[in-house]
Amino acid sequence: MRNVKVDRELIAACGLYCGACRKYITGKCPGCSMNEKASWCKIRKCVRRHDFHTCAECSMDVTGCRTYSNFIGKIFAFLFRSDRPACIRYIREYGEQAFAEEMAKRECQTIKRK
């Protein structure tokens, strides 16, 4: 078992769980929300501008959001079979703590597409 800790602060703005990321676990990355090098991330900028922790706090459906559903995100989702909108839905329904617990239990960064 990997050393995946449960911490709601390790949820990225887009809904990925940095606590299960290999780079975070090995100390090579502080996680998306603490990584100042991630200033290129438009989702992170938007979330911070609105004083949210994640997109789950926004009233807009992420699938209709041009910032969230961008080209890079779609490539990432395809390559890693990631369903980031499902992550946001999970956070909205069960809360950030429950999402962090679920991702730590699954030992993965995202809910996988079927």
PDB file of N, CA and C in Angstrom:
ATOM      1  N   MET A   1       0.844  -1.193   0.000  1.00  0.00           N
ATOM      2  CA  MET A   1       0.000   0.000   0.000  1.00  0.00           C
ATOM      3  C   MET A   1       0.885   1.251   0.000  1.00  0.00           C
ATOM      4  N   ARG A   2       0.542   2.187  -0.842  1.00  0.00           N
ATOM      5  CA  ARG A   2       1.262   3.453  -0.889  1.00  0.00           C
ATOM      6  C   ARG A   2       0.896   4.277   0.337  1.00  0.00           C
ATOM      7  N   ASN A   3       1.685   5.267   0.607  1.00  0.00           N
ATOM      8  CA  ASN A   3       1.449   6.132   1.752  1.00  0.00           C
ATOM      9  C   ASN A   3       0.529   7.289   1.352  1.00  0.00           C
ATOM     10  N   VAL A   4      -0.752   6.985   1.174  1.00  0.00           N
ATOM     11  CA  VAL A   4      -1.727   7.988   0.758  1.00  0.00           C
ATOM     12  C   VAL A   4      -2.454   8.491   1.998  1.00  0.00           C
ATOM     13  N   LYS A   5      -2.243   9.766   2.301  1.00  0.00           N
ATOM     14  CA  LYS A   5      -2.908  10.309   3.480  1.00  0.00           C
ATOM     15  C   LYS A   5      -4.204  11.012   3.095  1.00  0.00           C
ATOM     16  N   VAL A   6      -5.088  11.096   4.059  1.00  0.00           N
ATOM     17  CA  VAL A   6      -6.379  11.755   3.862  1.00  0.00           C
ATOM     18  C   VAL A   6      -6.245  13.198   4.320  1.00  0.00           C
ATOM     19  N   ASP A   7      -6.428  14.127   3.378  1.00  0.00           N
ATOM     20  CA  ASP A   7      -6.334  15.544   3.705  1.00  0.00           C
ATOM     21  C   ASP A   7      -7.109  16.329   2.658  1.00  0.00           C
ATOM     22  N   ARG A   8      -8.174  16.971   3.059  1.00  0.00           N
ATOM     23  CA  ARG A   8      -9.003  17.727   2.116  1.00  0.00           C
ATOM     24  C   ARG A   8      -8.224  18.856   1.453  1.00  0.00           C
ATOM     25  N   GLU A   9      -7.150  19.315   2.075  1.00  0.00           N
ATOM     26  CA  GLU A   9      -6.326  20.370   1.481  1.00  0.00           C
ATOM     27  C   GLU A   9      -5.548  19.874   0.264  1.00  0.00           C
ATOM     28  N   LEU A  10      -5.505  18.560   0.070  1.00  0.00           N
ATOM     29  CA  LEU A  10      -4.794  17.983  -1.072  1.00  0.00           C
ATOM     30  C   LEU A  10      -5.695  17.777  -2.283  1.00  0.00           C
ATOM     31  N   ILE A  11      -6.904  18.312  -2.230  1.00  0.00           N
ATOM     32  CA  ILE A  11      -7.799  18.263  -3.388  1.00  0.00           C
ATOM     33  C   ILE A  11      -7.484  19.473  -4.262  1.00  0.00           C
ATOM     34  N   ALA A  12      -7.162  19.217  -5.519  1.00  0.00           N
ATOM     35  CA  ALA A  12      -6.869  20.290  -6.464  1.00  0.00           C
ATOM     36  C   ALA A  12      -8.159  21.014  -6.841  1.00  0.00           C
ATOM     37  N   ALA A  13      -8.026  22.205  -7.360  1.00  0.00           N
ATOM     38  CA  ALA A  13      -9.183  23.008  -7.765  1.00  0.00           C
ATOM     39  C   ALA A  13     -10.099  22.252  -8.713  1.00  0.00           C
ATOM     40  N   CYS A  14      -9.517  21.434  -9.595  1.00  0.00           N
ATOM     41  CA  CYS A  14     -10.288  20.713 -10.612  1.00  0.00           C
ATOM     42  C   CYS A  14     -10.897  19.411 -10.096  1.00  0.00           C
ATOM     43  N   GLY A  15     -10.547  19.011  -8.877  1.00  0.00           N
ATOM     44  CA  GLY A  15     -11.105  17.790  -8.317  1.00  0.00           C
ATOM     45  C   GLY A  15     -10.149  16.613  -8.287  1.00  0.00           C
ATOM     46  N   LEU A  16      -8.952  16.766  -8.809  1.00  0.00           N
ATOM     47  CA  LEU A  16      -7.973  15.689  -8.691  1.00  0.00           C
ATOM     48  C   LEU A  16      -7.504  15.617  -7.238  1.00  0.00           C
ATOM     49  N   TYR A  17      -7.109  14.419  -6.793  1.00  0.00           N
ATOM     50  CA  TYR A  17      -6.637  14.266  -5.424  1.00  0.00           C
ATOM     51  C   TYR A  17      -5.125  14.116  -5.408  1.00  0.00           C
ATOM     52  N   CYS A  18      -4.440  15.202  -5.071  1.00  0.00           N
ATOM     53  CA  CYS A  18      -2.974  15.220  -5.062  1.00  0.00           C
ATOM     54  C   CYS A  18      -2.387  14.278  -4.016  1.00  0.00           C
ATOM     55  N   GLY A  19      -3.136  13.951  -2.983  1.00  0.00           N
ATOM     56  CA  GLY A  19      -2.649  13.061  -1.932  1.00  0.00           C
ATOM     57  C   GLY A  19      -2.288  11.678  -2.436  1.00  0.00           C
ATOM     58  N   ALA A  20      -2.797  11.276  -3.588  1.00  0.00           N
ATOM     59  CA  ALA A  20      -2.498   9.963  -4.166  1.00  0.00           C
ATOM     60  C   ALA A  20      -1.520  10.063  -5.334  1.00  0.00           C
ATOM     61  N   CYS A  21      -0.993  11.241  -5.578  1.00  0.00           N
ATOM     62  CA  CYS A  21      -0.065  11.457  -6.687  1.00  0.00           C
ATOM     63  C   CYS A  21       1.338  10.994  -6.294  1.00  0.00           C
ATOM     64  N   ARG A  22       1.982  10.278  -7.189  1.00  0.00           N
ATOM     65  CA  ARG A  22       3.329   9.768  -6.935  1.00  0.00           C
ATOM     66  C   ARG A  22       4.302  10.909  -6.633  1.00  0.00           C
ATOM     67  N   LYS A  23       4.211  12.006  -7.370  1.00  0.00           N
ATOM     68  CA  LYS A  23       5.118  13.132  -7.138  1.00  0.00           C
ATOM     69  C   LYS A  23       4.894  13.750  -5.759  1.00  0.00           C
ATOM     70  N   TYR A  24       3.635  13.829  -5.325  1.00  0.00           N
ATOM     71  CA  TYR A  24       3.359  14.369  -3.994  1.00  0.00           C
ATOM     72  C   TYR A  24       3.903  13.412  -2.919  1.00  0.00           C
ATOM     73  N   ILE A  25       3.613  12.140  -3.074  1.00  0.00           N
ATOM     74  CA  ILE A  25       4.033  11.146  -2.078  1.00  0.00           C
ATOM     75  C   ILE A  25       5.553  11.095  -1.933  1.00  0.00           C
ATOM     76  N   THR A  26       6.278  11.261  -3.030  1.00  0.00           N
ATOM     77  CA  THR A  26       7.749  11.216  -2.978  1.00  0.00           C
ATOM     78  C   THR A  26       8.368  12.567  -2.631  1.00  0.00           C
ATOM     79  N   GLY A  27       7.545  13.570  -2.386  1.00  0.00           N
ATOM     80  CA  GLY A  27       8.053  14.870  -1.977  1.00  0.00           C
ATOM     81  C   GLY A  27       8.543  15.756  -3.107  1.00  0.00           C
ATOM     82  N   LYS A  28       8.234  15.393  -4.340  1.00  0.00           N
ATOM     83  CA  LYS A  28       8.688  16.177  -5.493  1.00  0.00           C
ATOM     84  C   LYS A  28       7.714  17.291  -5.872  1.00  0.00           C
ATOM     85  N   CYS A  29       6.542  17.292  -5.254  1.00  0.00           N
ATOM     86  CA  CYS A  29       5.527  18.310  -5.540  1.00  0.00           C
ATOM     87  C   CYS A  29       4.753  18.591  -4.252  1.00  0.00           C
ATOM     88  N   PRO A  30       4.433  19.853  -3.973  1.00  0.00           N
ATOM     89  CA  PRO A  30       3.673  20.176  -2.769  1.00  0.00           C
ATOM     90  C   PRO A  30       2.162  19.993  -2.924  1.00  0.00           C
ATOM     91  N   GLY A  31       1.713  19.581  -4.102  1.00  0.00           N
ATOM     92  CA  GLY A  31       0.280  19.493  -4.380  1.00  0.00           C
ATOM     93  C   GLY A  31      -0.166  20.718  -5.154  1.00  0.00           C
ATOM     94  N   CYS A  32      -1.202  20.584  -5.940  1.00  0.00           N
ATOM     95  CA  CYS A  32      -1.625  21.662  -6.843  1.00  0.00           C
ATOM     96  C   CYS A  32      -1.951  22.966  -6.126  1.00  0.00           C
ATOM     97  N   SER A  33      -2.651  22.895  -5.017  1.00  0.00           N
ATOM     98  CA  SER A  33      -3.061  24.140  -4.373  1.00  0.00           C
ATOM     99  C   SER A  33      -1.891  24.883  -3.738  1.00  0.00           C
ATOM    100  N   MET A  34      -0.827  24.181  -3.368  1.00  0.00           N
ATOM    101  CA  MET A  34       0.338  24.813  -2.744  1.00  0.00           C
ATOM    102  C   MET A  34       1.481  25.046  -3.726  1.00  0.00           C
ATOM    103  N   ASN A  35       1.356  24.565  -4.952  1.00  0.00           N
ATOM    104  CA  ASN A  35       2.440  24.643  -5.926  1.00  0.00           C
ATOM    105  C   ASN A  35       2.399  25.973  -6.677  1.00  0.00           C
ATOM    106  N   GLU A  36       3.241  26.888  -6.301  1.00  0.00           N
ATOM    107  CA  GLU A  36       3.263  28.197  -6.960  1.00  0.00           C
ATOM    108  C   GLU A  36       3.707  28.103  -8.420  1.00  0.00           C
ATOM    109  N   LYS A  37       4.354  27.008  -8.808  1.00  0.00           N
ATOM    110  CA  LYS A  37       4.741  26.815 -10.202  1.00  0.00           C
ATOM    111  C   LYS A  37       3.524  26.496 -11.075  1.00  0.00           C
ATOM    112  N   ALA A  38       2.400  26.180 -10.455  1.00  0.00           N
ATOM    113  CA  ALA A  38       1.182  25.845 -11.196  1.00  0.00           C
ATOM    114  C   ALA A  38       0.378  27.095 -11.545  1.00  0.00           C
ATOM    115  N   SER A  39       1.043  28.217 -11.622  1.00  0.00           N
ATOM    116  CA  SER A  39       0.344  29.474 -11.927  1.00  0.00           C
ATOM    117  C   SER A  39      -0.256  29.473 -13.336  1.00  0.00           C
ATOM    118  N   TRP A  40       0.160  28.555 -14.187  1.00  0.00           N
ATOM    119  CA  TRP A  40      -0.369  28.436 -15.546  1.00  0.00           C
ATOM    120  C   TRP A  40      -1.789  27.855 -15.567  1.00  0.00           C
ATOM    121  N   CYS A  41      -2.210  27.232 -14.458  1.00  0.00           N
ATOM    122  CA  CYS A  41      -3.506  26.537 -14.426  1.00  0.00           C
ATOM    123  C   CYS A  41      -4.663  27.533 -14.351  1.00  0.00           C
ATOM    124  N   LYS A  42      -5.450  27.580 -15.412  1.00  0.00           N
ATOM    125  CA  LYS A  42      -6.575  28.514 -15.476  1.00  0.00           C
ATOM    126  C   LYS A  42      -7.682  28.152 -14.489  1.00  0.00           C
ATOM    127  N   ILE A  43      -7.853  26.856 -14.237  1.00  0.00           N
ATOM    128  CA  ILE A  43      -8.875  26.425 -13.272  1.00  0.00           C
ATOM    129  C   ILE A  43      -8.504  26.927 -11.885  1.00  0.00           C
ATOM    130  N   ARG A  44      -7.267  26.746 -11.520  1.00  0.00           N
ATOM    131  CA  ARG A  44      -6.772  27.197 -10.214  1.00  0.00           C
ATOM    132  C   ARG A  44      -6.947  28.712 -10.074  1.00  0.00           C
ATOM    133  N   LYS A  45      -6.611  29.462 -11.114  1.00  0.00           N
ATOM    134  CA  LYS A  45      -6.771  30.922 -11.086  1.00  0.00           C
ATOM    135  C   LYS A  45      -8.229  31.310 -10.872  1.00  0.00           C
ATOM    136  N   CYS A  46      -9.131  30.636 -11.577  1.00  0.00           N
ATOM    137  CA  CYS A  46     -10.561  30.940 -11.468  1.00  0.00           C
ATOM    138  C   CYS A  46     -11.079  30.645 -10.055  1.00  0.00           C
ATOM    139  N   VAL A  47     -10.705  29.492  -9.530  1.00  0.00           N
ATOM    140  CA  VAL A  47     -11.141  29.095  -8.184  1.00  0.00           C
ATOM    141  C   VAL A  47     -10.644  30.104  -7.151  1.00  0.00           C
ATOM    142  N   ARG A  48      -9.401  30.506  -7.270  1.00  0.00           N
ATOM    143  CA  ARG A  48      -8.846  31.487  -6.326  1.00  0.00           C
ATOM    144  C   ARG A  48      -9.524  32.845  -6.472  1.00  0.00           C
ATOM    145  N   ARG A  49      -9.793  33.235  -7.711  1.00  0.00           N
ATOM    146  CA  ARG A  49     -10.447  34.525  -7.960  1.00  0.00           C
ATOM    147  C   ARG A  49     -11.823  34.581  -7.287  1.00  0.00           C
ATOM    148  N   HIS A  50     -12.506  33.450  -7.240  1.00  0.00           N
ATOM    149  CA  HIS A  50     -13.833  33.391  -6.631  1.00  0.00           C
ATOM    150  C   HIS A  50     -13.782  32.993  -5.153  1.00  0.00           C
ATOM    151  N   ASP A  51     -12.582  32.840  -4.615  1.00  0.00           N
ATOM    152  CA  ASP A  51     -12.368  32.467  -3.217  1.00  0.00           C
ATOM    153  C   ASP A  51     -13.017  31.114  -2.868  1.00  0.00           C
ATOM    154  N   PHE A  52     -12.907  30.161  -3.812  1.00  0.00           N
ATOM    155  CA  PHE A  52     -13.375  28.794  -3.604  1.00  0.00           C
ATOM    156  C   PHE A  52     -12.173  27.910  -3.305  1.00  0.00           C
ATOM    157  N   HIS A  53     -12.440  26.708  -2.823  1.00  0.00           N
ATOM    158  CA  HIS A  53     -11.388  25.705  -2.657  1.00  0.00           C
ATOM    159  C   HIS A  53     -11.330  24.815  -3.891  1.00  0.00           C
ATOM    160  N   THR A  54     -12.497  24.456  -4.431  1.00  0.00           N
ATOM    161  CA  THR A  54     -12.584  23.654  -5.656  1.00  0.00           C
ATOM    162  C   THR A  54     -13.738  24.159  -6.520  1.00  0.00           C
ATOM    163  N   CYS A  55     -13.820  23.638  -7.713  1.00  0.00           N
ATOM    164  CA  CYS A  55     -14.925  23.975  -8.613  1.00  0.00           C
ATOM    165  C   CYS A  55     -16.277  23.490  -8.079  1.00  0.00           C
ATOM    166  N   ALA A  56     -16.259  22.595  -7.125  1.00  0.00           N
ATOM    167  CA  ALA A  56     -17.510  22.079  -6.548  1.00  0.00           C
ATOM    168  C   ALA A  56     -18.315  23.184  -5.871  1.00  0.00           C
ATOM    169  N   GLU A  57     -17.660  24.256  -5.484  1.00  0.00           N
ATOM    170  CA  GLU A  57     -18.350  25.363  -4.821  1.00  0.00           C
ATOM    171  C   GLU A  57     -19.041  26.308  -5.801  1.00  0.00           C
ATOM    172  N   CYS A  58     -18.733  26.190  -7.070  1.00  0.00           N
ATOM    173  CA  CYS A  58     -19.318  27.043  -8.098  1.00  0.00           C
ATOM    174  C   CYS A  58     -20.715  26.531  -8.455  1.00  0.00           C
ATOM    175  N   SER A  59     -21.596  27.449  -8.775  1.00  0.00           N
ATOM    176  CA  SER A  59     -22.960  27.046  -9.141  1.00  0.00           C
ATOM    177  C   SER A  59     -23.044  26.505 -10.569  1.00  0.00           C
ATOM    178  N   MET A  60     -22.029  26.766 -11.381  1.00  0.00           N
ATOM    179  CA  MET A  60     -22.036  26.320 -12.775  1.00  0.00           C
ATOM    180  C   MET A  60     -21.683  24.830 -12.874  1.00  0.00           C
ATOM    181  N   ASP A  61     -22.321  24.147 -13.812  1.00  0.00           N
ATOM    182  CA  ASP A  61     -21.969  22.759 -14.097  1.00  0.00           C
ATOM    183  C   ASP A  61     -20.626  22.759 -14.818  1.00  0.00           C
ATOM    184  N   VAL A  62     -19.652  22.001 -14.300  1.00  0.00           N
ATOM    185  CA  VAL A  62     -18.303  22.036 -14.869  1.00  0.00           C
ATOM    186  C   VAL A  62     -18.266  21.577 -16.324  1.00  0.00           C
ATOM    187  N   THR A  63     -19.183  20.734 -16.743  1.00  0.00           N
ATOM    188  CA  THR A  63     -19.165  20.273 -18.134  1.00  0.00           C
ATOM    189  C   THR A  63     -19.515  21.401 -19.101  1.00  0.00           C
ATOM    190  N   GLY A  64     -20.167  22.443 -18.615  1.00  0.00           N
ATOM    191  CA  GLY A  64     -20.499  23.592 -19.444  1.00  0.00           C
ATOM    192  C   GLY A  64     -19.553  24.763 -19.250  1.00  0.00           C
ATOM    193  N   CYS A  65     -18.583  24.604 -18.386  1.00  0.00           N
ATOM    194  CA  CYS A  65     -17.631  25.678 -18.086  1.00  0.00           C
ATOM    195  C   CYS A  65     -16.454  25.623 -19.052  1.00  0.00           C
ATOM    196  N   ARG A  66     -16.207  26.715 -19.752  1.00  0.00           N
ATOM    197  CA  ARG A  66     -15.111  26.747 -20.735  1.00  0.00           C
ATOM    198  C   ARG A  66     -13.738  26.702 -20.060  1.00  0.00           C
ATOM    199  N   THR A  67     -13.652  27.218 -18.856  1.00  0.00           N
ATOM    200  CA  THR A  67     -12.380  27.171 -18.129  1.00  0.00           C
ATOM    201  C   THR A  67     -12.075  25.740 -17.709  1.00  0.00           C
ATOM    202  N   TYR A  68     -13.068  25.045 -17.188  1.00  0.00           N
ATOM    203  CA  TYR A  68     -12.881  23.681 -16.688  1.00  0.00           C
ATOM    204  C   TYR A  68     -12.739  22.671 -17.827  1.00  0.00           C
ATOM    205  N   SER A  69     -13.591  22.760 -18.785  1.00  0.00           N
ATOM    206  CA  SER A  69     -13.608  21.791 -19.891  1.00  0.00           C
ATOM    207  C   SER A  69     -12.738  22.280 -21.041  1.00  0.00           C
ATOM    208  N   ASN A  70     -11.467  22.492 -20.763  1.00  0.00           N
ATOM    209  CA  ASN A  70     -10.558  23.000 -21.776  1.00  0.00           C
ATOM    210  C   ASN A  70      -9.847  21.860 -22.507  1.00  0.00           C
ATOM    211  N   PHE A  71      -9.124  22.200 -23.544  1.00  0.00           N
ATOM    212  CA  PHE A  71      -8.452  21.211 -24.394  1.00  0.00           C
ATOM    213  C   PHE A  71      -7.467  20.348 -23.608  1.00  0.00           C
ATOM    214  N   ILE A  72      -6.641  20.967 -22.782  1.00  0.00           N
ATOM    215  CA  ILE A  72      -5.636  20.217 -22.006  1.00  0.00           C
ATOM    216  C   ILE A  72      -6.328  19.246 -21.055  1.00  0.00           C
ATOM    217  N   GLY A  73      -7.394  19.688 -20.416  1.00  0.00           N
ATOM    218  CA  GLY A  73      -8.133  18.821 -19.512  1.00  0.00           C
ATOM    219  C   GLY A  73      -8.730  17.618 -20.233  1.00  0.00           C
ATOM    220  N   LYS A  74      -9.194  17.842 -21.445  1.00  0.00           N
ATOM    221  CA  LYS A  74      -9.764  16.741 -22.231  1.00  0.00           C
ATOM    222  C   LYS A  74      -8.688  15.739 -22.640  1.00  0.00           C
ATOM    223  N   ILE A  75      -7.509  16.224 -22.976  1.00  0.00           N
ATOM    224  CA  ILE A  75      -6.391  15.325 -23.315  1.00  0.00           C
ATOM    225  C   ILE A  75      -5.999  14.513 -22.087  1.00  0.00           C
ATOM    226  N   PHE A  76      -5.863  15.186 -20.945  1.00  0.00           N
ATOM    227  CA  PHE A  76      -5.530  14.522 -19.688  1.00  0.00           C
ATOM    228  C   PHE A  76      -6.566  13.432 -19.380  1.00  0.00           C
ATOM    229  N   ALA A  77      -7.833  13.783 -19.503  1.00  0.00           N
ATOM    230  CA  ALA A  77      -8.904  12.834 -19.214  1.00  0.00           C
ATOM    231  C   ALA A  77      -8.844  11.613 -20.126  1.00  0.00           C
ATOM    232  N   PHE A  78      -8.546  11.839 -21.389  1.00  0.00           N
ATOM    233  CA  PHE A  78      -8.446  10.734 -22.337  1.00  0.00           C
ATOM    234  C   PHE A  78      -7.270   9.821 -21.996  1.00  0.00           C
ATOM    235  N   LEU A  79      -6.111  10.408 -21.771  1.00  0.00           N
ATOM    236  CA  LEU A  79      -4.907   9.621 -21.512  1.00  0.00           C
ATOM    237  C   LEU A  79      -4.986   8.806 -20.221  1.00  0.00           C
ATOM    238  N   PHE A  80      -5.582   9.394 -19.190  1.00  0.00           N
ATOM    239  CA  PHE A  80      -5.605   8.744 -17.885  1.00  0.00           C
ATOM    240  C   PHE A  80      -6.966   8.176 -17.496  1.00  0.00           C
ATOM    241  N   ARG A  81      -7.900   8.149 -18.455  1.00  0.00           N
ATOM    242  CA  ARG A  81      -9.254   7.655 -18.208  1.00  0.00           C
ATOM    243  C   ARG A  81      -9.895   8.350 -17.000  1.00  0.00           C
ATOM    244  N   SER A  82      -9.593   9.626 -16.867  1.00  0.00           N
ATOM    245  CA  SER A  82     -10.046  10.414 -15.729  1.00  0.00           C
ATOM    246  C   SER A  82     -11.428  11.011 -15.985  1.00  0.00           C
ATOM    247  N   ASP A  83     -12.257  10.977 -14.968  1.00  0.00           N
ATOM    248  CA  ASP A  83     -13.572  11.620 -15.034  1.00  0.00           C
ATOM    249  C   ASP A  83     -13.606  12.720 -13.972  1.00  0.00           C
ATOM    250  N   ARG A  84     -12.932  13.830 -14.268  1.00  0.00           N
ATOM    251  CA  ARG A  84     -12.872  14.927 -13.306  1.00  0.00           C
ATOM    252  C   ARG A  84     -14.254  15.490 -12.971  1.00  0.00           C
ATOM    253  N   PRO A  85     -15.182  15.596 -13.926  1.00  0.00           N
ATOM    254  CA  PRO A  85     -16.519  16.050 -13.546  1.00  0.00           C
ATOM    255  C   PRO A  85     -17.174  15.129 -12.493  1.00  0.00           C
ATOM    256  N   ALA A  86     -16.888  13.828 -12.563  1.00  0.00           N
ATOM    257  CA  ALA A  86     -17.415  12.903 -11.547  1.00  0.00           C
ATOM    258  C   ALA A  86     -16.812  13.221 -10.183  1.00  0.00           C
ATOM    259  N   CYS A  87     -15.562  13.641 -10.165  1.00  0.00           N
ATOM    260  CA  CYS A  87     -14.921  14.034  -8.911  1.00  0.00           C
ATOM    261  C   CYS A  87     -15.644  15.239  -8.310  1.00  0.00           C
ATOM    262  N   ILE A  88     -15.932  16.222  -9.146  1.00  0.00           N
ATOM    263  CA  ILE A  88     -16.629  17.425  -8.675  1.00  0.00           C
ATOM    264  C   ILE A  88     -18.033  17.065  -8.181  1.00  0.00           C
ATOM    265  N   ARG A  89     -18.723  16.191  -8.915  1.00  0.00           N
ATOM    266  CA  ARG A  89     -20.059  15.752  -8.470  1.00  0.00           C
ATOM    267  C   ARG A  89     -19.970  15.040  -7.120  1.00  0.00           C
ATOM    268  N   TYR A  90     -18.958  14.203  -6.938  1.00  0.00           N
ATOM    269  CA  TYR A  90     -18.777  13.484  -5.674  1.00  0.00           C
ATOM    270  C   TYR A  90     -18.553  14.483  -4.531  1.00  0.00           C
ATOM    271  N   ILE A  91     -17.705  15.465  -4.768  1.00  0.00           N
ATOM    272  CA  ILE A  91     -17.439  16.472  -3.733  1.00  0.00           C
ATOM    273  C   ILE A  91     -18.713  17.238  -3.395  1.00  0.00           C
ATOM    274  N   ARG A  92     -19.486  17.597  -4.413  1.00  0.00           N
ATOM    275  CA  ARG A  92     -20.741  18.320  -4.165  1.00  0.00           C
ATOM    276  C   ARG A  92     -21.719  17.481  -3.350  1.00  0.00           C
ATOM    277  N   GLU A  93     -21.769  16.202  -3.645  1.00  0.00           N
ATOM    278  CA  GLU A  93     -22.740  15.342  -2.969  1.00  0.00           C
ATOM    279  C   GLU A  93     -22.309  14.919  -1.566  1.00  0.00           C
ATOM    280  N   TYR A  94     -21.042  14.583  -1.398  1.00  0.00           N
ATOM    281  CA  TYR A  94     -20.581  14.006  -0.127  1.00  0.00           C
ATOM    282  C   TYR A  94     -19.628  14.894   0.667  1.00  0.00           C
ATOM    283  N   GLY A  95     -19.072  15.911   0.040  1.00  0.00           N
ATOM    284  CA  GLY A  95     -18.145  16.808   0.725  1.00  0.00           C
ATOM    285  C   GLY A  95     -16.690  16.469   0.446  1.00  0.00           C
ATOM    286  N   GLU A  96     -15.833  17.440   0.727  1.00  0.00           N
ATOM    287  CA  GLU A  96     -14.408  17.287   0.453  1.00  0.00           C
ATOM    288  C   GLU A  96     -13.747  16.213   1.305  1.00  0.00           C
ATOM    289  N   GLN A  97     -14.098  16.150   2.580  1.00  0.00           N
ATOM    290  CA  GLN A  97     -13.485  15.154   3.464  1.00  0.00           C
ATOM    291  C   GLN A  97     -13.807  13.741   2.994  1.00  0.00           C
ATOM    292  N   ALA A  98     -15.052  13.500   2.632  1.00  0.00           N
ATOM    293  CA  ALA A  98     -15.453  12.167   2.146  1.00  0.00           C
ATOM    294  C   ALA A  98     -14.732  11.841   0.839  1.00  0.00           C
ATOM    295  N   PHE A  99     -14.549  12.836  -0.027  1.00  0.00           N
ATOM    296  CA  PHE A  99     -13.832  12.614  -1.284  1.00  0.00           C
ATOM    297  C   PHE A  99     -12.373  12.248  -0.994  1.00  0.00           C
ATOM    298  N   ALA A 100     -11.723  12.988  -0.107  1.00  0.00           N
ATOM    299  CA  ALA A 100     -10.330  12.689   0.245  1.00  0.00           C
ATOM    300  C   ALA A 100     -10.219  11.276   0.821  1.00  0.00           C
ATOM    301  N   GLU A 101     -11.157  10.893   1.653  1.00  0.00           N
ATOM    302  CA  GLU A 101     -11.155   9.537   2.228  1.00  0.00           C
ATOM    303  C   GLU A 101     -11.340   8.481   1.145  1.00  0.00           C
ATOM    304  N   GLU A 102     -12.247   8.731   0.213  1.00  0.00           N
ATOM    305  CA  GLU A 102     -12.508   7.778  -0.868  1.00  0.00           C
ATOM    306  C   GLU A 102     -11.296   7.631  -1.792  1.00  0.00           C
ATOM    307  N   MET A 103     -10.690   8.729  -2.156  1.00  0.00           N
ATOM    308  CA  MET A 103      -9.524   8.668  -3.044  1.00  0.00           C
ATOM    309  C   MET A 103      -8.333   8.010  -2.341  1.00  0.00           C
ATOM    310  N   ALA A 104      -8.173   8.254  -1.047  1.00  0.00           N
ATOM    311  CA  ALA A 104      -7.094   7.600  -0.290  1.00  0.00           C
ATOM    312  C   ALA A 104      -7.352   6.096  -0.224  1.00  0.00           C
ATOM    313  N   LYS A 105      -8.602   5.722  -0.019  1.00  0.00           N
ATOM    314  CA  LYS A 105      -8.952   4.297   0.024  1.00  0.00           C
ATOM    315  C   LYS A 105      -8.692   3.634  -1.329  1.00  0.00           C
ATOM    316  N   ARG A 106      -9.050   4.322  -2.409  1.00  0.00           N
ATOM    317  CA  ARG A 106      -8.828   3.791  -3.762  1.00  0.00           C
ATOM    318  C   ARG A 106      -7.363   3.904  -4.203  1.00  0.00           C
ATOM    319  N   GLU A 107      -6.601   4.748  -3.492  1.00  0.00           N
ATOM    320  CA  GLU A 107      -5.209   5.051  -3.840  1.00  0.00           C
ATOM    321  C   GLU A 107      -5.084   5.579  -5.264  1.00  0.00           C
ATOM    322  N   CYS A 108      -5.947   6.529  -5.595  1.00  0.00           N
ATOM    323  CA  CYS A 108      -5.888   7.120  -6.927  1.00  0.00           C
ATOM    324  C   CYS A 108      -6.229   8.605  -6.873  1.00  0.00           C
ATOM    325  N   GLN A 109      -5.846   9.299  -7.913  1.00  0.00           N
ATOM    326  CA  GLN A 109      -6.035  10.743  -7.989  1.00  0.00           C
ATOM    327  C   GLN A 109      -7.396  11.144  -8.511  1.00  0.00           C
ATOM    328  N   THR A 110      -8.084  10.240  -9.169  1.00  0.00           N
ATOM    329  CA  THR A 110      -9.311  10.631  -9.841  1.00  0.00           C
ATOM    330  C   THR A 110     -10.278   9.454  -9.915  1.00  0.00           C
ATOM    331  N   ILE A 111     -11.523   9.781 -10.133  1.00  0.00           N
ATOM    332  CA  ILE A 111     -12.506   8.756 -10.437  1.00  0.00           C
ATOM    333  C   ILE A 111     -12.300   8.403 -11.904  1.00  0.00           C
ATOM    334  N   LYS A 112     -12.217   7.139 -12.182  1.00  0.00           N
ATOM    335  CA  LYS A 112     -11.929   6.681 -13.548  1.00  0.00           C
ATOM    336  C   LYS A 112     -13.203   6.638 -14.394  1.00  0.00           C
ATOM    337  N   ARG A 113     -13.032   6.988 -15.691  1.00  0.00           N
ATOM    338  CA  ARG A 113     -14.128   6.842 -16.645  1.00  0.00           C
ATOM    339  C   ARG A 113     -14.393   5.366 -16.868  1.00  0.00           C
ATOM    340  N   LYS A 114     -15.620   5.052 -17.136  1.00  0.00           N
ATOM    341  CA  LYS A 114     -15.978   3.643 -17.401  1.00  0.00           C
ATOM    342  C   LYS A 114     -15.917   3.339 -18.862  1.00  0.00           C
TER     343      LYS A 114
END
